[in-house]
Amino acid sequence: GPEGGWTGEEVELAVKFGFREASLGRLILRTETAVVAALASLS
């Protein structure tokens, strides 16, 4: 998501289409940091 995060409606739409909601932890990461951390985890 963007700075400020997803709206509740966007999360509901994602879940509706089968996406799994996931967190990288309690720290608030910049978007670019989240991209690297999440892609490395997926890989």
ModelCIF file with pLDDT and N, C-alpha, C, O atoms, coordinates in Angstrom:
data_MODEL
#
_entry.id   MODEL 
#
_entity.id                         1 
_entity.type                       polymer 
_entity.pdbx_number_of_molecules   1 
#
_entity_poly.entity_id                      1 
_entity_poly.type                           'polypeptide(L)' 
_entity_poly.nstd_linkage                   no 
_entity_poly.nstd_monomer                   no 
_entity_poly.pdbx_seq_one_letter_code       GPEGGWTGEEVELAVKFGFREASLGRLILRTETAVVAALASLS 
_entity_poly.pdbx_seq_one_letter_code_can   GPEGGWTGEEVELAVKFGFREASLGRLILRTETAVVAALASLS 
_entity_poly.pdbx_strand_id                 A 
#
loop_
_entity_poly_seq.entity_id 
_entity_poly_seq.num 
_entity_poly_seq.mon_id 
_entity_poly_seq.hetero 
1 1  GLY n 
1 2  PRO n 
1 3  GLU n 
1 4  GLY n 
1 5  GLY n 
1 6  TRP n 
1 7  THR n 
1 8  GLY n 
1 9  GLU n 
1 10 GLU n 
1 11 VAL n 
1 12 GLU n 
1 13 LEU n 
1 14 ALA n 
1 15 VAL n 
1 16 LYS n 
1 17 PHE n 
1 18 GLY n 
1 19 PHE n 
1 20 ARG n 
1 21 GLU n 
1 22 ALA n 
1 23 SER n 
1 24 LEU n 
1 25 GLY n 
1 26 ARG n 
1 27 LEU n 
1 28 ILE n 
1 29 LEU n 
1 30 ARG n 
1 31 THR n 
1 32 GLU n 
1 33 THR n 
1 34 ALA n 
1 35 VAL n 
1 36 VAL n 
1 37 ALA n 
1 38 ALA n 
1 39 LEU n 
1 40 ALA n 
1 41 SER n 
1 42 LEU n 
1 43 SER n 
#
_struct_asym.id          A 
_struct_asym.entity_id   1 
#
loop_
_ma_qa_metric.id 
_ma_qa_metric.mode 
_ma_qa_metric.name 
_ma_qa_metric.software_group_id 
_ma_qa_metric.type 
1 global pLDDT . pLDDT 
2 local  pLDDT . pLDDT 
#
_ma_qa_metric_global.metric_id      1 
_ma_qa_metric_global.metric_value   93.07 
_ma_qa_metric_global.model_id       1 
_ma_qa_metric_global.ordinal_id     1 
#
loop_
_ma_qa_metric_local.label_asym_id 
_ma_qa_metric_local.label_comp_id 
_ma_qa_metric_local.label_seq_id 
_ma_qa_metric_local.metric_id 
_ma_qa_metric_local.metric_value 
_ma_qa_metric_local.model_id 
_ma_qa_metric_local.ordinal_id 
A GLY 1  2 95.00 1 1  
A PRO 2  2 94.00 1 2  
A GLU 3  2 90.00 1 3  
A GLY 4  2 88.00 1 4  
A GLY 5  2 92.00 1 5  
A TRP 6  2 95.00 1 6  
A THR 7  2 96.00 1 7  
A GLY 8  2 95.00 1 8  
A GLU 9  2 96.00 1 9  
A GLU 10 2 97.00 1 10 
A VAL 11 2 96.00 1 11 
A GLU 12 2 96.00 1 12 
A LEU 13 2 97.00 1 13 
A ALA 14 2 97.00 1 14 
A VAL 15 2 96.00 1 15 
A LYS 16 2 97.00 1 16 
A PHE 17 2 97.00 1 17 
A GLY 18 2 95.00 1 18 
A PHE 19 2 96.00 1 19 
A ARG 20 2 95.00 1 20 
A GLU 21 2 96.00 1 21 
A ALA 22 2 95.00 1 22 
A SER 23 2 94.00 1 23 
A LEU 24 2 93.00 1 24 
A GLY 25 2 88.00 1 25 
A ARG 26 2 84.00 1 26 
A LEU 27 2 83.00 1 27 
A ILE 28 2 83.00 1 28 
A LEU 29 2 88.00 1 29 
A ARG 30 2 90.00 1 30 
A THR 31 2 91.00 1 31 
A GLU 32 2 93.00 1 32 
A THR 33 2 94.00 1 33 
A ALA 34 2 95.00 1 34 
A VAL 35 2 96.00 1 35 
A VAL 36 2 96.00 1 36 
A ALA 37 2 95.00 1 37 
A ALA 38 2 95.00 1 38 
A LEU 39 2 94.00 1 39 
A ALA 40 2 92.00 1 40 
A SER 41 2 91.00 1 41 
A LEU 42 2 90.00 1 42 
A SER 43 2 86.00 1 43 
#
loop_
_atom_site.group_PDB 
_atom_site.id 
_atom_site.type_symbol 
_atom_site.label_atom_id 
_atom_site.label_alt_id 
_atom_site.label_comp_id 
_atom_site.label_asym_id 
_atom_site.label_entity_id 
_atom_site.label_seq_id 
_atom_site.pdbx_PDB_ins_code 
_atom_site.Cartn_x 
_atom_site.Cartn_y 
_atom_site.Cartn_z 
_atom_site.occupancy 
_atom_site.B_iso_or_equiv 
_atom_site.pdbx_formal_charge 
_atom_site.auth_seq_id 
_atom_site.auth_comp_id 
_atom_site.auth_asym_id 
_atom_site.auth_atom_id 
_atom_site.pdbx_PDB_model_num 
ATOM 1   N N  . GLY A 1 1  ? 0.791   -1.219  0.000  1.00 95.00 ? 1  GLY A N  1 
ATOM 2   C CA . GLY A 1 1  ? 0.000   0.000   0.000  1.00 95.00 ? 1  GLY A CA 1 
ATOM 3   C C  . GLY A 1 1  ? 0.824   1.270   0.000  1.00 95.00 ? 1  GLY A C  1 
ATOM 4   O O  . GLY A 1 1  ? 2.053   1.219   0.039  1.00 95.00 ? 1  GLY A O  1 
ATOM 5   N N  . PRO A 1 2  ? 0.153   2.408   -0.043 1.00 94.00 ? 2  PRO A N  1 
ATOM 6   C CA . PRO A 1 2  ? 0.816   3.712   -0.072 1.00 94.00 ? 2  PRO A CA 1 
ATOM 7   C C  . PRO A 1 2  ? 1.159   4.196   1.331  1.00 94.00 ? 2  PRO A C  1 
ATOM 8   O O  . PRO A 1 2  ? 0.871   3.520   2.318  1.00 94.00 ? 2  PRO A O  1 
ATOM 9   N N  . GLU A 1 3  ? 1.775   5.368   1.412  1.00 90.00 ? 3  GLU A N  1 
ATOM 10  C CA . GLU A 1 3  ? 1.968   5.996   2.711  1.00 90.00 ? 3  GLU A CA 1 
ATOM 11  C C  . GLU A 1 3  ? 0.590   6.278   3.293  1.00 90.00 ? 3  GLU A C  1 
ATOM 12  O O  . GLU A 1 3  ? -0.265  6.849   2.616  1.00 90.00 ? 3  GLU A O  1 
ATOM 13  N N  . GLY A 1 4  ? 0.369   5.886   4.534  1.00 88.00 ? 4  GLY A N  1 
ATOM 14  C CA . GLY A 1 4  ? -0.963  5.991   5.119  1.00 88.00 ? 4  GLY A CA 1 
ATOM 15  C C  . GLY A 1 4  ? -1.708  4.677   5.091  1.00 88.00 ? 4  GLY A C  1 
ATOM 16  O O  . GLY A 1 4  ? -2.727  4.522   5.764  1.00 88.00 ? 4  GLY A O  1 
ATOM 17  N N  . GLY A 1 5  ? -1.202  3.716   4.306  1.00 92.00 ? 5  GLY A N  1 
ATOM 18  C CA . GLY A 1 5  ? -1.769  2.376   4.307  1.00 92.00 ? 5  GLY A CA 1 
ATOM 19  C C  . GLY A 1 5  ? -3.004  2.221   3.441  1.00 92.00 ? 5  GLY A C  1 
ATOM 20  O O  . GLY A 1 5  ? -3.499  3.174   2.839  1.00 92.00 ? 5  GLY A O  1 
ATOM 21  N N  . TRP A 1 6  ? -3.488  0.978   3.401  1.00 95.00 ? 6  TRP A N  1 
ATOM 22  C CA . TRP A 1 6  ? -4.706  0.651   2.667  1.00 95.00 ? 6  TRP A CA 1 
ATOM 23  C C  . TRP A 1 6  ? -5.929  1.164   3.411  1.00 95.00 ? 6  TRP A C  1 
ATOM 24  O O  . TRP A 1 6  ? -5.902  1.303   4.634  1.00 95.00 ? 6  TRP A O  1 
ATOM 25  N N  . THR A 1 7  ? -6.980  1.438   2.693  1.00 96.00 ? 7  THR A N  1 
ATOM 26  C CA . THR A 1 7  ? -8.266  1.682   3.351  1.00 96.00 ? 7  THR A CA 1 
ATOM 27  C C  . THR A 1 7  ? -8.886  0.341   3.712  1.00 96.00 ? 7  THR A C  1 
ATOM 28  O O  . THR A 1 7  ? -8.493  -0.698  3.182  1.00 96.00 ? 7  THR A O  1 
ATOM 29  N N  . GLY A 1 8  ? -9.874  0.370   4.632  1.00 95.00 ? 8  GLY A N  1 
ATOM 30  C CA . GLY A 1 8  ? -10.557 -0.870  4.988  1.00 95.00 ? 8  GLY A CA 1 
ATOM 31  C C  . GLY A 1 8  ? -11.219 -1.512  3.789  1.00 95.00 ? 8  GLY A C  1 
ATOM 32  O O  . GLY A 1 8  ? -11.232 -2.737  3.670  1.00 95.00 ? 8  GLY A O  1 
ATOM 33  N N  . GLU A 1 9  ? -11.770 -0.702  2.898  1.00 96.00 ? 9  GLU A N  1 
ATOM 34  C CA . GLU A 1 9  ? -12.434 -1.230  1.702  1.00 96.00 ? 9  GLU A CA 1 
ATOM 35  C C  . GLU A 1 9  ? -11.441 -1.949  0.791  1.00 96.00 ? 9  GLU A C  1 
ATOM 36  O O  . GLU A 1 9  ? -11.762 -2.993  0.223  1.00 96.00 ? 9  GLU A O  1 
ATOM 37  N N  . GLU A 1 10 ? -10.237 -1.394  0.650  1.00 97.00 ? 10 GLU A N  1 
ATOM 38  C CA . GLU A 1 10 ? -9.229  -2.035  -0.200 1.00 97.00 ? 10 GLU A CA 1 
ATOM 39  C C  . GLU A 1 10 ? -8.802  -3.384  0.380  1.00 97.00 ? 10 GLU A C  1 
ATOM 40  O O  . GLU A 1 10 ? -8.613  -4.347  -0.362 1.00 97.00 ? 10 GLU A O  1 
ATOM 41  N N  . VAL A 1 11 ? -8.649  -3.455  1.706  1.00 96.00 ? 11 VAL A N  1 
ATOM 42  C CA . VAL A 1 11 ? -8.294  -4.727  2.326  1.00 96.00 ? 11 VAL A CA 1 
ATOM 43  C C  . VAL A 1 11 ? -9.395  -5.753  2.101  1.00 96.00 ? 11 VAL A C  1 
ATOM 44  O O  . VAL A 1 11 ? -9.113  -6.907  1.780  1.00 96.00 ? 11 VAL A O  1 
ATOM 45  N N  . GLU A 1 12 ? -10.633 -5.343  2.265  1.00 96.00 ? 12 GLU A N  1 
ATOM 46  C CA . GLU A 1 12 ? -11.761 -6.255  2.049  1.00 96.00 ? 12 GLU A CA 1 
ATOM 47  C C  . GLU A 1 12 ? -11.810 -6.760  0.615  1.00 96.00 ? 12 GLU A C  1 
ATOM 48  O O  . GLU A 1 12 ? -12.100 -7.933  0.380  1.00 96.00 ? 12 GLU A O  1 
ATOM 49  N N  . LEU A 1 13 ? -11.528 -5.883  -0.347 1.00 97.00 ? 13 LEU A N  1 
ATOM 50  C CA . LEU A 1 13 ? -11.506 -6.299  -1.754 1.00 97.00 ? 13 LEU A CA 1 
ATOM 51  C C  . LEU A 1 13 ? -10.406 -7.324  -2.005 1.00 97.00 ? 13 LEU A C  1 
ATOM 52  O O  . LEU A 1 13 ? -10.616 -8.317  -2.701 1.00 97.00 ? 13 LEU A O  1 
ATOM 53  N N  . ALA A 1 14 ? -9.231  -7.073  -1.431 1.00 97.00 ? 14 ALA A N  1 
ATOM 54  C CA . ALA A 1 14 ? -8.125  -8.009  -1.614 1.00 97.00 ? 14 ALA A CA 1 
ATOM 55  C C  . ALA A 1 14 ? -8.471  -9.380  -1.050 1.00 97.00 ? 14 ALA A C  1 
ATOM 56  O O  . ALA A 1 14 ? -8.247  -10.401 -1.699 1.00 97.00 ? 14 ALA A O  1 
ATOM 57  N N  . VAL A 1 15 ? -9.014  -9.396  0.156  1.00 96.00 ? 15 VAL A N  1 
ATOM 58  C CA . VAL A 1 15 ? -9.395  -10.662 0.785  1.00 96.00 ? 15 VAL A CA 1 
ATOM 59  C C  . VAL A 1 15 ? -10.486 -11.353 -0.032 1.00 96.00 ? 15 VAL A C  1 
ATOM 60  O O  . VAL A 1 15 ? -10.471 -12.574 -0.183 1.00 96.00 ? 15 VAL A O  1 
ATOM 61  N N  . LYS A 1 16 ? -11.419 -10.582 -0.550 1.00 97.00 ? 16 LYS A N  1 
ATOM 62  C CA . LYS A 1 16 ? -12.483 -11.128 -1.396 1.00 97.00 ? 16 LYS A CA 1 
ATOM 63  C C  . LYS A 1 16 ? -11.912 -11.886 -2.591 1.00 97.00 ? 16 LYS A C  1 
ATOM 64  O O  . LYS A 1 16 ? -12.463 -12.905 -3.006 1.00 97.00 ? 16 LYS A O  1 
ATOM 65  N N  . PHE A 1 17 ? -10.809 -11.387 -3.139 1.00 97.00 ? 17 PHE A N  1 
ATOM 66  C CA . PHE A 1 17 ? -10.203 -12.024 -4.308 1.00 97.00 ? 17 PHE A CA 1 
ATOM 67  C C  . PHE A 1 17 ? -9.076  -12.979 -3.931 1.00 97.00 ? 17 PHE A C  1 
ATOM 68  O O  . PHE A 1 17 ? -8.240  -13.319 -4.769 1.00 97.00 ? 17 PHE A O  1 
ATOM 69  N N  . GLY A 1 18 ? -9.053  -13.408 -2.674 1.00 95.00 ? 18 GLY A N  1 
ATOM 70  C CA . GLY A 1 18 ? -8.157  -14.480 -2.270 1.00 95.00 ? 18 GLY A CA 1 
ATOM 71  C C  . GLY A 1 18 ? -6.804  -14.060 -1.724 1.00 95.00 ? 18 GLY A C  1 
ATOM 72  O O  . GLY A 1 18 ? -5.974  -14.922 -1.435 1.00 95.00 ? 18 GLY A O  1 
ATOM 73  N N  . PHE A 1 19 ? -6.551  -12.776 -1.573 1.00 96.00 ? 19 PHE A N  1 
ATOM 74  C CA . PHE A 1 19 ? -5.269  -12.339 -1.021 1.00 96.00 ? 19 PHE A CA 1 
ATOM 75  C C  . PHE A 1 19 ? -5.228  -12.599 0.484  1.00 96.00 ? 19 PHE A C  1 
ATOM 76  O O  . PHE A 1 19 ? -6.248  -12.513 1.168  1.00 96.00 ? 19 PHE A O  1 
ATOM 77  N N  . ARG A 1 20 ? -4.047  -12.913 0.984  1.00 95.00 ? 20 ARG A N  1 
ATOM 78  C CA . ARG A 1 20 ? -3.847  -13.155 2.404  1.00 95.00 ? 20 ARG A CA 1 
ATOM 79  C C  . ARG A 1 20 ? -3.235  -11.907 3.038  1.00 95.00 ? 20 ARG A C  1 
ATOM 80  O O  . ARG A 1 20 ? -2.172  -11.448 2.618  1.00 95.00 ? 20 ARG A O  1 
ATOM 81  N N  . GLU A 1 21 ? -3.896  -11.375 4.026  1.00 96.00 ? 21 GLU A N  1 
ATOM 82  C CA . GLU A 1 21 ? -3.405  -10.185 4.713  1.00 96.00 ? 21 GLU A CA 1 
ATOM 83  C C  . GLU A 1 21 ? -2.242  -10.573 5.617  1.00 96.00 ? 21 GLU A C  1 
ATOM 84  O O  . GLU A 1 21 ? -2.344  -11.522 6.394  1.00 96.00 ? 21 GLU A O  1 
ATOM 85  N N  . ALA A 1 22 ? -1.136  -9.838  5.515  1.00 95.00 ? 22 ALA A N  1 
ATOM 86  C CA . ALA A 1 22 ? 0.063   -10.209 6.268  1.00 95.00 ? 22 ALA A CA 1 
ATOM 87  C C  . ALA A 1 22 ? 0.790   -8.970  6.768  1.00 95.00 ? 22 ALA A C  1 
ATOM 88  O O  . ALA A 1 22 ? 0.689   -7.888  6.190  1.00 95.00 ? 22 ALA A O  1 
ATOM 89  N N  . SER A 1 23 ? 1.529   -9.160  7.863  1.00 94.00 ? 23 SER A N  1 
ATOM 90  C CA . SER A 1 23 ? 2.271   -8.070  8.490  1.00 94.00 ? 23 SER A CA 1 
ATOM 91  C C  . SER A 1 23 ? 3.762   -8.390  8.507  1.00 94.00 ? 23 SER A C  1 
ATOM 92  O O  . SER A 1 23 ? 4.152   -9.552  8.618  1.00 94.00 ? 23 SER A O  1 
ATOM 93  N N  . LEU A 1 24 ? 4.592   -7.358  8.397  1.00 93.00 ? 24 LEU A N  1 
ATOM 94  C CA . LEU A 1 24 ? 6.034   -7.518  8.523  1.00 93.00 ? 24 LEU A CA 1 
ATOM 95  C C  . LEU A 1 24 ? 6.517   -7.201  9.938  1.00 93.00 ? 24 LEU A C  1 
ATOM 96  O O  . LEU A 1 24 ? 7.721   -7.119  10.182 1.00 93.00 ? 24 LEU A O  1 
ATOM 97  N N  . GLY A 1 25 ? 5.588   -7.025  10.859 1.00 88.00 ? 25 GLY A N  1 
ATOM 98  C CA . GLY A 1 25 ? 5.963   -6.735  12.235 1.00 88.00 ? 25 GLY A CA 1 
ATOM 99  C C  . GLY A 1 25 ? 5.378   -5.420  12.719 1.00 88.00 ? 25 GLY A C  1 
ATOM 100 O O  . GLY A 1 25 ? 4.642   -4.754  11.991 1.00 88.00 ? 25 GLY A O  1 
ATOM 101 N N  . ARG A 1 26 ? 5.700   -5.055  13.928 1.00 84.00 ? 26 ARG A N  1 
ATOM 102 C CA . ARG A 1 26 ? 5.105   -3.871  14.547 1.00 84.00 ? 26 ARG A CA 1 
ATOM 103 C C  . ARG A 1 26 ? 5.773   -2.566  14.137 1.00 84.00 ? 26 ARG A C  1 
ATOM 104 O O  . ARG A 1 26 ? 5.190   -1.496  14.309 1.00 84.00 ? 26 ARG A O  1 
ATOM 105 N N  . LEU A 1 27 ? 6.973   -2.638  13.601 1.00 83.00 ? 27 LEU A N  1 
ATOM 106 C CA . LEU A 1 27 ? 7.639   -1.422  13.148 1.00 83.00 ? 27 LEU A CA 1 
ATOM 107 C C  . LEU A 1 27 ? 6.982   -0.935  11.857 1.00 83.00 ? 27 LEU A C  1 
ATOM 108 O O  . LEU A 1 27 ? 6.579   -1.740  11.017 1.00 83.00 ? 27 LEU A O  1 
ATOM 109 N N  . ILE A 1 28 ? 6.879   0.361   11.706 1.00 83.00 ? 28 ILE A N  1 
ATOM 110 C CA . ILE A 1 28 ? 6.314   0.943   10.489 1.00 83.00 ? 28 ILE A CA 1 
ATOM 111 C C  . ILE A 1 28 ? 7.450   1.169   9.502  1.00 83.00 ? 28 ILE A C  1 
ATOM 112 O O  . ILE A 1 28 ? 8.345   1.977   9.749  1.00 83.00 ? 28 ILE A O  1 
ATOM 113 N N  . LEU A 1 29 ? 7.410   0.457   8.391  1.00 88.00 ? 29 LEU A N  1 
ATOM 114 C CA . LEU A 1 29 ? 8.469   0.517   7.395  1.00 88.00 ? 29 LEU A CA 1 
ATOM 115 C C  . LEU A 1 29 ? 8.104   1.466   6.265  1.00 88.00 ? 29 LEU A C  1 
ATOM 116 O O  . LEU A 1 29 ? 6.930   1.638   5.935  1.00 88.00 ? 29 LEU A O  1 
ATOM 117 N N  . ARG A 1 30 ? 9.119   2.076   5.681  1.00 90.00 ? 30 ARG A N  1 
ATOM 118 C CA . ARG A 1 30 ? 8.905   2.822   4.452  1.00 90.00 ? 30 ARG A CA 1 
ATOM 119 C C  . ARG A 1 30 ? 8.518   1.841   3.342  1.00 90.00 ? 30 ARG A C  1 
ATOM 120 O O  . ARG A 1 30 ? 8.843   0.655   3.405  1.00 90.00 ? 30 ARG A O  1 
ATOM 121 N N  . THR A 1 31 ? 7.832   2.346   2.342  1.00 91.00 ? 31 THR A N  1 
ATOM 122 C CA . THR A 1 31 ? 7.363   1.483   1.263  1.00 91.00 ? 31 THR A CA 1 
ATOM 123 C C  . THR A 1 31 ? 8.511   0.708   0.632  1.00 91.00 ? 31 THR A C  1 
ATOM 124 O O  . THR A 1 31 ? 8.407   -0.504  0.443  1.00 91.00 ? 31 THR A O  1 
ATOM 125 N N  . GLU A 1 32 ? 9.598   1.386   0.307  1.00 93.00 ? 32 GLU A N  1 
ATOM 126 C CA . GLU A 1 32 ? 10.702  0.721   -0.378 1.00 93.00 ? 32 GLU A CA 1 
ATOM 127 C C  . GLU A 1 32 ? 11.357  -0.343  0.506  1.00 93.00 ? 32 GLU A C  1 
ATOM 128 O O  . GLU A 1 32 ? 11.826  -1.364  0.002  1.00 93.00 ? 32 GLU A O  1 
ATOM 129 N N  . THR A 1 33 ? 11.391  -0.109  1.821  1.00 94.00 ? 33 THR A N  1 
ATOM 130 C CA . THR A 1 33 ? 11.932  -1.118  2.740  1.00 94.00 ? 33 THR A CA 1 
ATOM 131 C C  . THR A 1 33 ? 11.029  -2.338  2.781  1.00 94.00 ? 33 THR A C  1 
ATOM 132 O O  . THR A 1 33 ? 11.504  -3.474  2.784  1.00 94.00 ? 33 THR A O  1 
ATOM 133 N N  . ALA A 1 34 ? 9.722   -2.099  2.813  1.00 95.00 ? 34 ALA A N  1 
ATOM 134 C CA . ALA A 1 34 ? 8.760   -3.205  2.826  1.00 95.00 ? 34 ALA A CA 1 
ATOM 135 C C  . ALA A 1 34 ? 8.856   -4.047  1.560  1.00 95.00 ? 34 ALA A C  1 
ATOM 136 O O  . ALA A 1 34 ? 8.732   -5.270  1.614  1.00 95.00 ? 34 ALA A O  1 
ATOM 137 N N  . VAL A 1 35 ? 9.076   -3.397  0.427  1.00 96.00 ? 35 VAL A N  1 
ATOM 138 C CA . VAL A 1 35 ? 9.212   -4.130  -0.840 1.00 96.00 ? 35 VAL A CA 1 
ATOM 139 C C  . VAL A 1 35 ? 10.362  -5.132  -0.761 1.00 96.00 ? 35 VAL A C  1 
ATOM 140 O O  . VAL A 1 35 ? 10.194  -6.305  -1.092 1.00 96.00 ? 35 VAL A O  1 
ATOM 141 N N  . VAL A 1 36 ? 11.518  -4.668  -0.325 1.00 96.00 ? 36 VAL A N  1 
ATOM 142 C CA . VAL A 1 36 ? 12.695  -5.535  -0.261 1.00 96.00 ? 36 VAL A CA 1 
ATOM 143 C C  . VAL A 1 36 ? 12.494  -6.660  0.746  1.00 96.00 ? 36 VAL A C  1 
ATOM 144 O O  . VAL A 1 36 ? 12.780  -7.820  0.447  1.00 96.00 ? 36 VAL A O  1 
ATOM 145 N N  . ALA A 1 37 ? 12.004  -6.324  1.940  1.00 95.00 ? 37 ALA A N  1 
ATOM 146 C CA . ALA A 1 37 ? 11.829  -7.334  2.984  1.00 95.00 ? 37 ALA A CA 1 
ATOM 147 C C  . ALA A 1 37 ? 10.809  -8.395  2.565  1.00 95.00 ? 37 ALA A C  1 
ATOM 148 O O  . ALA A 1 37 ? 11.040  -9.589  2.760  1.00 95.00 ? 37 ALA A O  1 
ATOM 149 N N  . ALA A 1 38 ? 9.695   -7.968  1.998  1.00 95.00 ? 38 ALA A N  1 
ATOM 150 C CA . ALA A 1 38 ? 8.642   -8.912  1.634  1.00 95.00 ? 38 ALA A CA 1 
ATOM 151 C C  . ALA A 1 38 ? 9.048   -9.785  0.450  1.00 95.00 ? 38 ALA A C  1 
ATOM 152 O O  . ALA A 1 38 ? 8.790   -10.989 0.453  1.00 95.00 ? 38 ALA A O  1 
ATOM 153 N N  . LEU A 1 39 ? 9.674   -9.196  -0.554 1.00 94.00 ? 39 LEU A N  1 
ATOM 154 C CA . LEU A 1 39 ? 10.094  -9.990  -1.713 1.00 94.00 ? 39 LEU A CA 1 
ATOM 155 C C  . LEU A 1 39 ? 11.168  -11.005 -1.329 1.00 94.00 ? 39 LEU A C  1 
ATOM 156 O O  . LEU A 1 39 ? 11.167  -12.131 -1.827 1.00 94.00 ? 39 LEU A O  1 
ATOM 157 N N  . ALA A 1 40 ? 12.075  -10.611 -0.454 1.00 92.00 ? 40 ALA A N  1 
ATOM 158 C CA . ALA A 1 40 ? 13.093  -11.553 0.003  1.00 92.00 ? 40 ALA A CA 1 
ATOM 159 C C  . ALA A 1 40 ? 12.445  -12.719 0.761  1.00 92.00 ? 40 ALA A C  1 
ATOM 160 O O  . ALA A 1 40 ? 12.863  -13.867 0.613  1.00 92.00 ? 40 ALA A O  1 
ATOM 161 N N  . SER A 1 41 ? 11.433  -12.420 1.567  1.00 91.00 ? 41 SER A N  1 
ATOM 162 C CA . SER A 1 41 ? 10.729  -13.469 2.310  1.00 91.00 ? 41 SER A CA 1 
ATOM 163 C C  . SER A 1 41 ? 9.982   -14.403 1.371  1.00 91.00 ? 41 SER A C  1 
ATOM 164 O O  . SER A 1 41 ? 10.011  -15.622 1.546  1.00 91.00 ? 41 SER A O  1 
ATOM 165 N N  . LEU A 1 42 ? 9.310   -13.831 0.372  1.00 90.00 ? 42 LEU A N  1 
ATOM 166 C CA . LEU A 1 42 ? 8.590   -14.650 -0.608 1.00 90.00 ? 42 LEU A CA 1 
ATOM 167 C C  . LEU A 1 42 ? 9.552   -15.538 -1.389 1.00 90.00 ? 42 LEU A C  1 
ATOM 168 O O  . LEU A 1 42 ? 9.280   -16.716 -1.618 1.00 90.00 ? 42 LEU A O  1 
ATOM 169 N N  . SER A 1 43 ? 10.668  -14.963 -1.788 1.00 86.00 ? 43 SER A N  1 
ATOM 170 C CA . SER A 1 43 ? 11.643  -15.741 -2.551 1.00 86.00 ? 43 SER A CA 1 
ATOM 171 C C  . SER A 1 43 ? 12.167  -16.909 -1.727 1.00 86.00 ? 43 SER A C  1 
ATOM 172 O O  . SER A 1 43 ? 13.001  -17.678 -2.206 1.00 86.00 ? 43 SER A O  1 
#
